[in-house]
Amino acid sequence: MHLGKSMKKVLIIYKFLPQYRFEFFQQLKIELSKEEIDLTLVYGKLKNADSLKNDEVDIDWAIFIPSKVFRLGKTELLWQPCLAHTKDKDLIIVEQANKLLINYYFSFIRHFKPFKFAFWGHGRNLQDDPASIRNKFKYKLLGYCDWWFAYTKGVKAMLQSYKFPVDKITVVQNAIDTKSLTRFYDEVSEDEIKELKSQWKITGDNIGIYCGGMYMEKRLDFIIKACHIIKKSVPDFHMVFIGSGINANYVMDAEKNFDFIHYVGPKFGKERVKYFKLASVQLMPGAVGLGILDSFALQTPIITTDLPIHGPEIEYLENGINGIITQNDLTEYTQTVTEILLKKKYLNLIEECVRSAAVYTVENMVTNFKNGIIKCLN
């Protein structure tokens, strides 16, 4: 489908570029060009505690513009000075976030300029009380755009409940590059696994993994308590932590005192995948987001708890089929993990993880996003 002889121009403004978005933007640029749509991406860099995750990247064709940070009490506000790149655009897409000042500018100016304006995101802050002042403010602004790119079907349902027109919502099915992960997983040899085990002095097969940002909502203290309890019933249990962040010290301190806890820091690409192939289960009792796709692609079933702070991607988890959700209780959680390891129940979940990995792909996300852009422009 082409939009005519003249090239349509789309701008996406992103506050920073995390590793997991790299392949999405690369593929979207290519696929849109086939439809005679030119994509420009403007991005900034993190300056707060989130920058400790060490997962930012650059894209050679994108435009990096440093953000200006302002503080209003405890609230951080960001201004991305990129108006010079907006003048000839047919569609401007931004992340939906209260702290992004440029969003308010576009929400107002769209009434007087010949471009369309779209939000992309969750619809609300999932780590906050749904009835919080910040979320109530977000709800008020949900309709201040021409189109919505919703992460999941659940986000679409929420937008509909606030009367946003259903025919102006695209469900993008938020994803990461699971195809590369699957390829890396298949490439990891048994010798590499043996070498990893030797390096970390692991002799058994009952190994858990945590991979992600290390901050409060991830409940690292809960995981470490759980590990001690699991170890009592599963003598060869070891736990590997991958990632970094403001609460990484919890894991570093535990590693110093207990030889079955291992902190390997941030890992990317095939190097990260090796640790997943080493492990049997992924322990993530705190907030689950795109990490669920690591679990699927790398055949390491996730075990989480029933919490209100999960990302919308928790919708992808089918309890007892491609992962496990327990009650938010330390005893139940540890009993479940222990039983899954000792009875090797994780083997029953792996086949469905592989099936799910083929559904939730960055290729499908790119197709959904592209089709939404075409529909919005038309």
Protein backbone atom coordinates (compact mmCIF):
# COMPACT_ATOMS: atom_id res chain seq x y z
CA MET A 1 0.00 0.00 0.00
CA HIS A 2 1.44 3.36 -1.05
CA LEU A 3 0.33 6.77 0.07
CA GLY A 4 0.88 8.52 -3.21
CA LYS A 5 3.87 10.00 -4.98
CA SER A 6 4.96 12.35 -2.21
CA MET A 7 6.89 10.79 0.66
CA LYS A 8 5.02 10.98 3.96
CA LYS A 9 7.13 11.93 6.98
CA VAL A 10 6.83 10.50 10.47
CA LEU A 11 8.72 11.56 13.59
CA ILE A 12 9.07 9.46 16.75
CA ILE A 13 10.44 11.21 19.84
CA TYR A 14 11.89 8.88 22.49
CA LYS A 15 13.45 10.00 25.75
CA PHE A 16 16.28 7.44 25.49
CA LEU A 17 17.22 4.38 23.44
CA PRO A 18 17.32 1.14 25.41
CA GLN A 19 19.06 -1.89 23.94
CA TYR A 20 15.78 -3.76 23.51
CA ARG A 21 14.35 -1.09 21.14
CA PHE A 22 17.29 -1.10 18.71
CA GLU A 23 16.02 -3.83 16.37
CA PHE A 24 12.46 -2.49 16.45
CA PHE A 25 13.47 0.95 15.21
CA GLN A 26 15.84 -0.50 12.59
CA GLN A 27 13.14 -2.73 11.14
CA LEU A 28 10.43 -0.07 11.34
CA LYS A 29 12.60 2.36 9.37
CA ILE A 30 13.04 -0.22 6.59
CA GLU A 31 9.41 -1.34 6.46
CA LEU A 32 8.05 2.21 6.39
CA SER A 33 10.41 3.16 3.56
CA LYS A 34 8.80 0.39 1.48
CA GLU A 35 5.51 2.25 1.94
CA GLU A 36 7.06 5.59 0.87
CA ILE A 37 7.08 6.81 4.48
CA ASP A 38 10.24 8.40 5.87
CA LEU A 39 10.87 7.80 9.58
CA THR A 40 12.89 10.20 11.72
CA LEU A 41 13.80 9.21 15.27
CA VAL A 42 14.88 11.78 17.85
CA TYR A 43 16.15 10.52 21.21
CA GLY A 44 17.87 11.68 24.38
CA LYS A 45 19.90 10.03 27.15
CA LEU A 46 19.02 9.08 30.69
CA LYS A 47 20.47 11.15 33.52
CA ASN A 48 18.68 9.71 36.55
CA ALA A 49 19.01 6.45 38.51
CA ASP A 50 17.70 4.48 35.50
CA SER A 51 20.93 5.23 33.67
CA LEU A 52 22.62 2.75 36.02
CA LYS A 53 21.03 -0.05 33.99
CA ASN A 54 23.79 0.53 31.38
CA ASP A 55 21.53 -0.53 28.52
CA GLU A 56 21.46 2.56 26.29
CA VAL A 57 22.50 2.38 22.63
CA ASP A 58 22.77 4.69 19.62
CA ILE A 59 21.44 4.40 16.07
CA ASP A 60 23.49 5.96 13.28
CA TRP A 61 20.53 7.32 11.29
CA ALA A 62 18.68 8.69 14.35
CA ILE A 63 19.17 12.15 15.86
CA PHE A 64 20.50 12.46 19.40
CA ILE A 65 19.46 15.66 21.20
CA PRO A 66 20.29 16.05 24.90
CA SER A 67 17.22 16.62 27.04
CA LYS A 68 16.92 19.52 29.45
CA VAL A 69 15.93 18.41 32.96
CA PHE A 70 13.84 20.53 35.30
CA ARG A 71 12.65 19.76 38.81
CA LEU A 72 9.37 20.73 40.39
CA GLY A 73 9.71 19.57 43.98
CA LYS A 74 10.34 15.81 43.73
CA THR A 75 9.01 15.67 40.19
CA GLU A 76 11.46 15.48 37.28
CA LEU A 77 10.39 17.12 34.02
CA LEU A 78 12.08 16.68 30.63
CA TRP A 79 12.16 19.03 27.67
CA GLN A 80 13.48 17.60 24.41
CA PRO A 81 14.48 20.62 22.26
CA CYS A 82 13.66 19.12 18.89
CA LEU A 83 11.05 21.48 17.41
CA ALA A 84 13.29 22.18 14.41
CA HIS A 85 12.75 18.55 13.34
CA THR A 86 8.94 18.73 13.53
CA LYS A 87 8.07 21.35 10.93
CA ASP A 88 7.49 19.16 7.86
CA LYS A 89 6.12 16.04 9.58
CA ASP A 90 2.76 14.44 8.81
CA LEU A 91 2.65 12.40 12.03
CA ILE A 92 4.45 12.88 15.35
CA ILE A 93 4.53 9.99 17.84
CA VAL A 94 5.60 10.43 21.47
CA GLU A 95 5.80 8.29 24.58
CA GLN A 96 2.85 8.95 26.84
CA ALA A 97 4.43 10.28 30.05
CA ASN A 98 3.46 13.11 32.37
CA LYS A 99 7.04 14.36 32.67
CA LEU A 100 7.61 14.89 28.94
CA LEU A 101 6.90 18.60 28.48
CA ILE A 102 6.92 18.50 24.70
CA ASN A 103 3.78 16.33 24.80
CA TYR A 104 1.74 19.23 26.17
CA TYR A 105 2.99 21.48 23.39
CA PHE A 106 1.91 19.01 20.68
CA SER A 107 -1.42 18.29 22.38
CA PHE A 108 -2.24 22.00 22.04
CA ILE A 109 -0.59 22.96 18.77
CA ARG A 110 -2.09 20.01 16.81
CA HIS A 111 -5.35 21.99 16.61
CA PHE A 112 -3.63 24.66 14.53
CA LYS A 113 -1.09 22.70 12.47
CA PRO A 114 -1.52 20.21 9.60
CA PHE A 115 0.01 17.18 11.36
CA LYS A 116 -1.39 14.28 13.36
CA PHE A 117 -0.24 13.55 16.89
CA ALA A 118 -0.12 10.11 18.54
CA PHE A 119 0.62 8.64 21.96
CA TRP A 120 2.49 5.37 22.41
CA GLY A 121 2.49 3.55 25.73
CA HIS A 122 0.74 1.93 28.68
CA GLY A 123 -2.05 4.43 29.27
CA ARG A 124 -1.19 4.72 32.95
CA ASN A 125 1.76 4.34 35.35
CA LEU A 126 1.56 0.66 36.26
CA GLN A 127 3.94 1.01 39.20
CA ASP A 128 1.63 3.55 40.83
CA ASP A 129 -1.80 3.33 42.44
CA PRO A 130 -4.44 3.45 39.65
CA ALA A 131 -6.21 6.17 41.66
CA SER A 132 -3.07 8.24 42.34
CA ILE A 133 -3.00 11.93 41.42
CA ARG A 134 -0.40 11.25 38.73
CA ASN A 135 -2.52 8.55 37.12
CA LYS A 136 -5.68 10.66 37.33
CA PHE A 137 -3.76 13.37 35.50
CA LYS A 138 -2.76 10.82 32.82
CA TYR A 139 -6.36 9.71 32.37
CA LYS A 140 -7.38 13.34 31.76
CA LEU A 141 -4.88 13.60 28.92
CA LEU A 142 -5.59 10.25 27.22
CA GLY A 143 -7.71 11.89 24.54
CA TYR A 144 -5.36 14.79 23.78
CA CYS A 145 -4.11 13.13 20.60
CA ASP A 146 -5.32 11.87 17.22
CA TRP A 147 -4.17 8.25 17.56
CA TRP A 148 -3.02 5.70 20.13
CA PHE A 149 -0.35 3.01 19.75
CA ALA A 150 -1.27 0.77 22.70
CA TYR A 151 1.25 -1.73 24.06
CA THR A 152 -1.27 -4.58 24.43
CA LYS A 153 -4.94 -5.52 24.14
CA GLY A 154 -5.35 -4.72 27.84
CA VAL A 155 -4.17 -1.15 27.22
CA LYS A 156 -6.65 -0.88 24.35
CA ALA A 157 -9.47 -2.00 26.66
CA MET A 158 -8.45 0.63 29.22
CA LEU A 159 -8.44 3.36 26.55
CA GLN A 160 -11.90 2.28 25.40
CA SER A 161 -13.15 2.52 28.98
CA TYR A 162 -12.15 6.20 28.86
CA LYS A 163 -14.11 6.64 25.61
CA PHE A 164 -11.14 6.92 23.25
CA PRO A 165 -12.38 5.95 19.75
CA VAL A 166 -11.65 2.27 19.15
CA ASP A 167 -10.99 2.85 15.43
CA LYS A 168 -8.09 5.14 16.35
CA ILE A 169 -6.24 2.60 18.51
CA THR A 170 -3.48 0.32 17.20
CA VAL A 171 -2.41 -2.59 19.42
CA VAL A 172 1.30 -2.94 18.68
CA GLN A 173 1.89 -6.09 20.82
CA ASN A 174 5.01 -4.79 22.55
CA ALA A 175 7.99 -7.10 21.94
CA ILE A 176 11.74 -7.50 21.62
CA ASP A 177 13.98 -9.27 19.13
CA THR A 178 13.15 -12.85 20.12
CA LYS A 179 14.44 -14.22 16.78
CA SER A 180 18.03 -13.24 17.59
CA LEU A 181 17.65 -14.57 21.13
CA THR A 182 16.44 -17.93 19.79
CA ARG A 183 19.35 -18.08 17.35
CA PHE A 184 21.87 -17.29 20.11
CA TYR A 185 20.26 -19.92 22.34
CA ASP A 186 20.67 -22.61 19.67
CA GLU A 187 24.30 -21.57 19.12
CA VAL A 188 25.35 -21.99 22.77
CA SER A 189 27.19 -25.31 23.09
CA GLU A 190 27.28 -27.76 25.97
CA ASP A 191 30.99 -27.03 26.33
CA GLU A 192 30.19 -23.33 26.91
CA ILE A 193 27.68 -24.31 29.60
CA LYS A 194 30.25 -26.57 31.28
CA GLU A 195 32.77 -23.73 31.18
CA LEU A 196 30.26 -21.34 32.83
CA LYS A 197 29.50 -23.89 35.54
CA SER A 198 33.19 -24.35 36.20
CA GLN A 199 33.77 -20.59 36.30
CA TRP A 200 31.06 -20.10 38.95
CA LYS A 201 31.71 -23.41 40.77
CA ILE A 202 28.22 -24.75 40.04
CA THR A 203 27.94 -28.54 40.11
CA GLY A 204 24.19 -29.21 39.92
CA ASP A 205 21.39 -28.45 37.45
CA ASN A 206 18.94 -26.60 39.71
CA ILE A 207 19.79 -23.04 38.73
CA GLY A 208 17.64 -19.94 38.84
CA ILE A 209 18.24 -16.69 36.98
CA TYR A 210 17.17 -13.09 37.39
CA CYS A 211 17.79 -10.73 34.46
CA GLY A 212 16.68 -7.11 34.41
CA GLY A 213 16.96 -3.69 35.97
CA MET A 214 17.70 -3.63 39.68
CA TYR A 215 15.33 -1.23 41.40
CA MET A 216 12.68 -1.34 44.12
CA GLU A 217 9.76 -2.70 42.06
CA LYS A 218 11.83 -5.75 41.09
CA ARG A 219 11.86 -6.90 44.76
CA LEU A 220 15.44 -8.15 44.87
CA ASP A 221 15.20 -8.48 48.66
CA PHE A 222 12.27 -10.89 48.19
CA ILE A 223 14.27 -12.94 45.66
CA ILE A 224 17.28 -13.23 47.99
CA LYS A 225 15.07 -14.34 50.90
CA ALA A 226 13.43 -16.88 48.59
CA CYS A 227 16.84 -18.18 47.48
CA HIS A 228 17.85 -18.98 51.07
CA ILE A 229 14.62 -20.90 51.67
CA ILE A 230 14.87 -22.79 48.35
CA LYS A 231 18.48 -23.74 49.09
CA LYS A 232 17.40 -25.62 52.23
CA SER A 233 15.23 -27.98 50.18
CA VAL A 234 17.29 -28.00 46.98
CA PRO A 235 20.94 -28.48 48.08
CA ASP A 236 22.45 -27.92 44.61
CA PHE A 237 20.46 -24.71 43.99
CA HIS A 238 22.38 -21.72 42.62
CA MET A 239 21.08 -18.29 41.63
CA VAL A 240 22.52 -16.03 38.92
CA PHE A 241 21.71 -12.30 38.78
CA ILE A 242 22.21 -10.31 35.55
CA GLY A 243 21.67 -6.55 35.34
CA SER A 244 22.42 -3.37 37.20
CA GLY A 245 20.63 -0.47 38.81
CA ILE A 246 20.17 1.46 42.02
CA ASN A 247 19.50 -1.68 44.10
CA ALA A 248 22.32 -3.84 42.70
CA ASN A 249 24.03 -3.57 46.10
CA TYR A 250 21.45 -6.02 47.53
CA VAL A 251 22.79 -8.70 45.22
CA MET A 252 26.46 -7.73 45.61
CA ASP A 253 26.19 -7.98 49.40
CA ALA A 254 24.47 -11.38 49.15
CA GLU A 255 27.14 -12.68 46.78
CA LYS A 256 29.89 -11.77 49.27
CA ASN A 257 28.27 -13.87 51.98
CA PHE A 258 26.81 -16.85 50.10
CA ASP A 259 28.62 -18.96 47.52
CA PHE A 260 25.43 -20.06 45.74
CA ILE A 261 24.50 -16.48 44.75
CA HIS A 262 26.31 -15.04 41.72
CA TYR A 263 26.20 -11.47 40.41
CA VAL A 264 27.54 -11.19 36.85
CA GLY A 265 26.56 -7.57 36.11
CA PRO A 266 24.99 -6.36 32.83
CA LYS A 267 25.28 -8.79 29.91
CA PHE A 268 24.06 -8.43 26.33
CA GLY A 269 23.74 -10.52 23.19
CA LYS A 270 24.97 -14.10 23.20
CA GLU A 271 26.91 -13.56 26.42
CA ARG A 272 23.63 -12.98 28.26
CA VAL A 273 21.93 -15.92 26.57
CA LYS A 274 24.53 -18.36 27.89
CA TYR A 275 23.31 -17.80 31.44
CA PHE A 276 19.70 -18.47 30.44
CA LYS A 277 20.71 -21.79 28.86
CA LEU A 278 22.50 -22.60 32.09
CA ALA A 279 19.35 -21.95 34.14
CA SER A 280 16.13 -23.92 34.61
CA VAL A 281 13.78 -21.13 35.74
CA GLN A 282 13.66 -17.34 35.81
CA LEU A 283 12.72 -15.94 39.23
CA MET A 284 11.00 -12.57 38.99
CA PRO A 285 8.53 -12.09 41.88
CA GLY A 286 8.52 -8.32 41.32
CA ALA A 287 7.36 -6.28 38.33
CA VAL A 288 7.38 -8.27 35.07
CA GLY A 289 7.54 -6.49 31.74
CA LEU A 290 9.38 -7.43 28.56
CA GLY A 291 11.44 -9.92 30.59
CA ILE A 292 8.62 -12.36 29.92
CA LEU A 293 9.86 -12.54 26.32
CA ASP A 294 13.36 -13.52 27.47
CA SER A 295 11.65 -16.36 29.27
CA PHE A 296 9.83 -17.52 26.13
CA ALA A 297 12.68 -17.19 23.63
CA LEU A 298 15.31 -18.65 25.97
CA GLN A 299 13.20 -21.56 27.21
CA THR A 300 13.49 -20.53 30.85
CA PRO A 301 9.96 -20.39 32.36
CA ILE A 302 9.28 -17.36 34.53
CA ILE A 303 7.87 -17.66 38.05
CA THR A 304 6.30 -14.46 39.34
CA THR A 305 3.69 -13.32 41.87
CA ASP A 306 0.23 -11.80 41.56
CA LEU A 307 0.94 -8.06 41.75
CA PRO A 308 -0.82 -4.94 40.44
CA ILE A 309 2.49 -3.36 39.29
CA HIS A 310 3.33 -5.69 36.40
CA GLY A 311 3.81 -4.23 32.95
CA PRO A 312 1.08 -4.87 30.37
CA GLU A 313 3.20 -7.71 28.94
CA ILE A 314 2.08 -9.87 31.89
CA GLU A 315 -0.94 -10.51 29.62
CA TYR A 316 1.32 -12.83 27.60
CA LEU A 317 1.78 -15.18 30.59
CA GLU A 318 -0.71 -18.07 30.67
CA ASN A 319 -0.51 -19.36 34.24
CA GLY A 320 0.52 -23.00 34.41
CA ILE A 321 1.04 -23.14 30.63
CA ASN A 322 3.99 -20.92 29.64
CA GLY A 323 4.88 -19.62 33.12
CA ILE A 324 3.73 -19.51 36.72
CA ILE A 325 2.03 -16.84 38.83
CA THR A 326 1.78 -17.54 42.56
CA GLN A 327 0.06 -15.56 45.27
CA ASN A 328 2.12 -12.67 46.61
CA ASP A 329 3.42 -14.73 49.51
CA LEU A 330 7.02 -15.76 50.22
CA THR A 331 6.09 -19.22 51.53
CA GLU A 332 3.89 -20.08 48.55
CA TYR A 333 6.44 -18.68 46.13
CA THR A 334 9.36 -20.69 47.53
CA GLN A 335 7.29 -23.88 47.79
CA THR A 336 6.27 -23.49 44.14
CA VAL A 337 9.84 -22.90 42.93
CA THR A 338 11.12 -25.81 45.02
CA GLU A 339 8.50 -28.20 43.63
CA ILE A 340 9.11 -27.07 40.05
CA LEU A 341 12.85 -27.69 40.41
CA LEU A 342 12.74 -30.99 42.31
CA LYS A 343 10.04 -32.50 40.09
CA LYS A 344 11.45 -30.87 36.94
CA LYS A 345 8.04 -29.39 36.16
CA TYR A 346 9.71 -26.59 34.23
CA LEU A 347 10.17 -29.11 31.39
CA ASN A 348 6.38 -29.13 30.89
CA LEU A 349 6.37 -25.35 30.42
CA ILE A 350 9.20 -25.09 27.90
CA GLU A 351 7.23 -26.26 24.85
CA GLU A 352 4.66 -23.51 25.41
CA CYS A 353 7.43 -20.96 25.97
CA VAL A 354 8.76 -21.80 22.50
CA ARG A 355 5.26 -21.45 21.02
CA SER A 356 4.78 -18.07 22.69
CA ALA A 357 8.18 -16.85 21.47
CA ALA A 358 6.97 -17.34 17.89
CA VAL A 359 3.87 -15.18 18.55
CA TYR A 360 5.34 -12.21 20.43
CA THR A 361 8.04 -11.08 18.02
CA VAL A 362 9.53 -7.73 17.08
CA GLU A 363 8.63 -8.53 13.46
CA ASN A 364 4.94 -8.72 14.38
CA MET A 365 5.28 -5.53 16.44
CA VAL A 366 6.84 -3.71 13.47
CA THR A 367 4.01 -4.89 11.18
CA ASN A 368 1.36 -3.75 13.66
CA PHE A 369 3.05 -0.37 14.17
CA LYS A 370 3.54 0.17 10.44
CA ASN A 371 -0.09 -0.65 9.66
CA GLY A 372 -1.22 1.72 12.43
CA ILE A 373 0.88 4.53 10.98
CA ILE A 374 -0.54 3.95 7.50
CA LYS A 375 -4.10 3.90 8.84
CA CYS A 376 -3.51 7.09 10.86
CA LEU A 377 -1.99 8.92 7.88
CA ASN A 378 -4.88 7.91 5.63
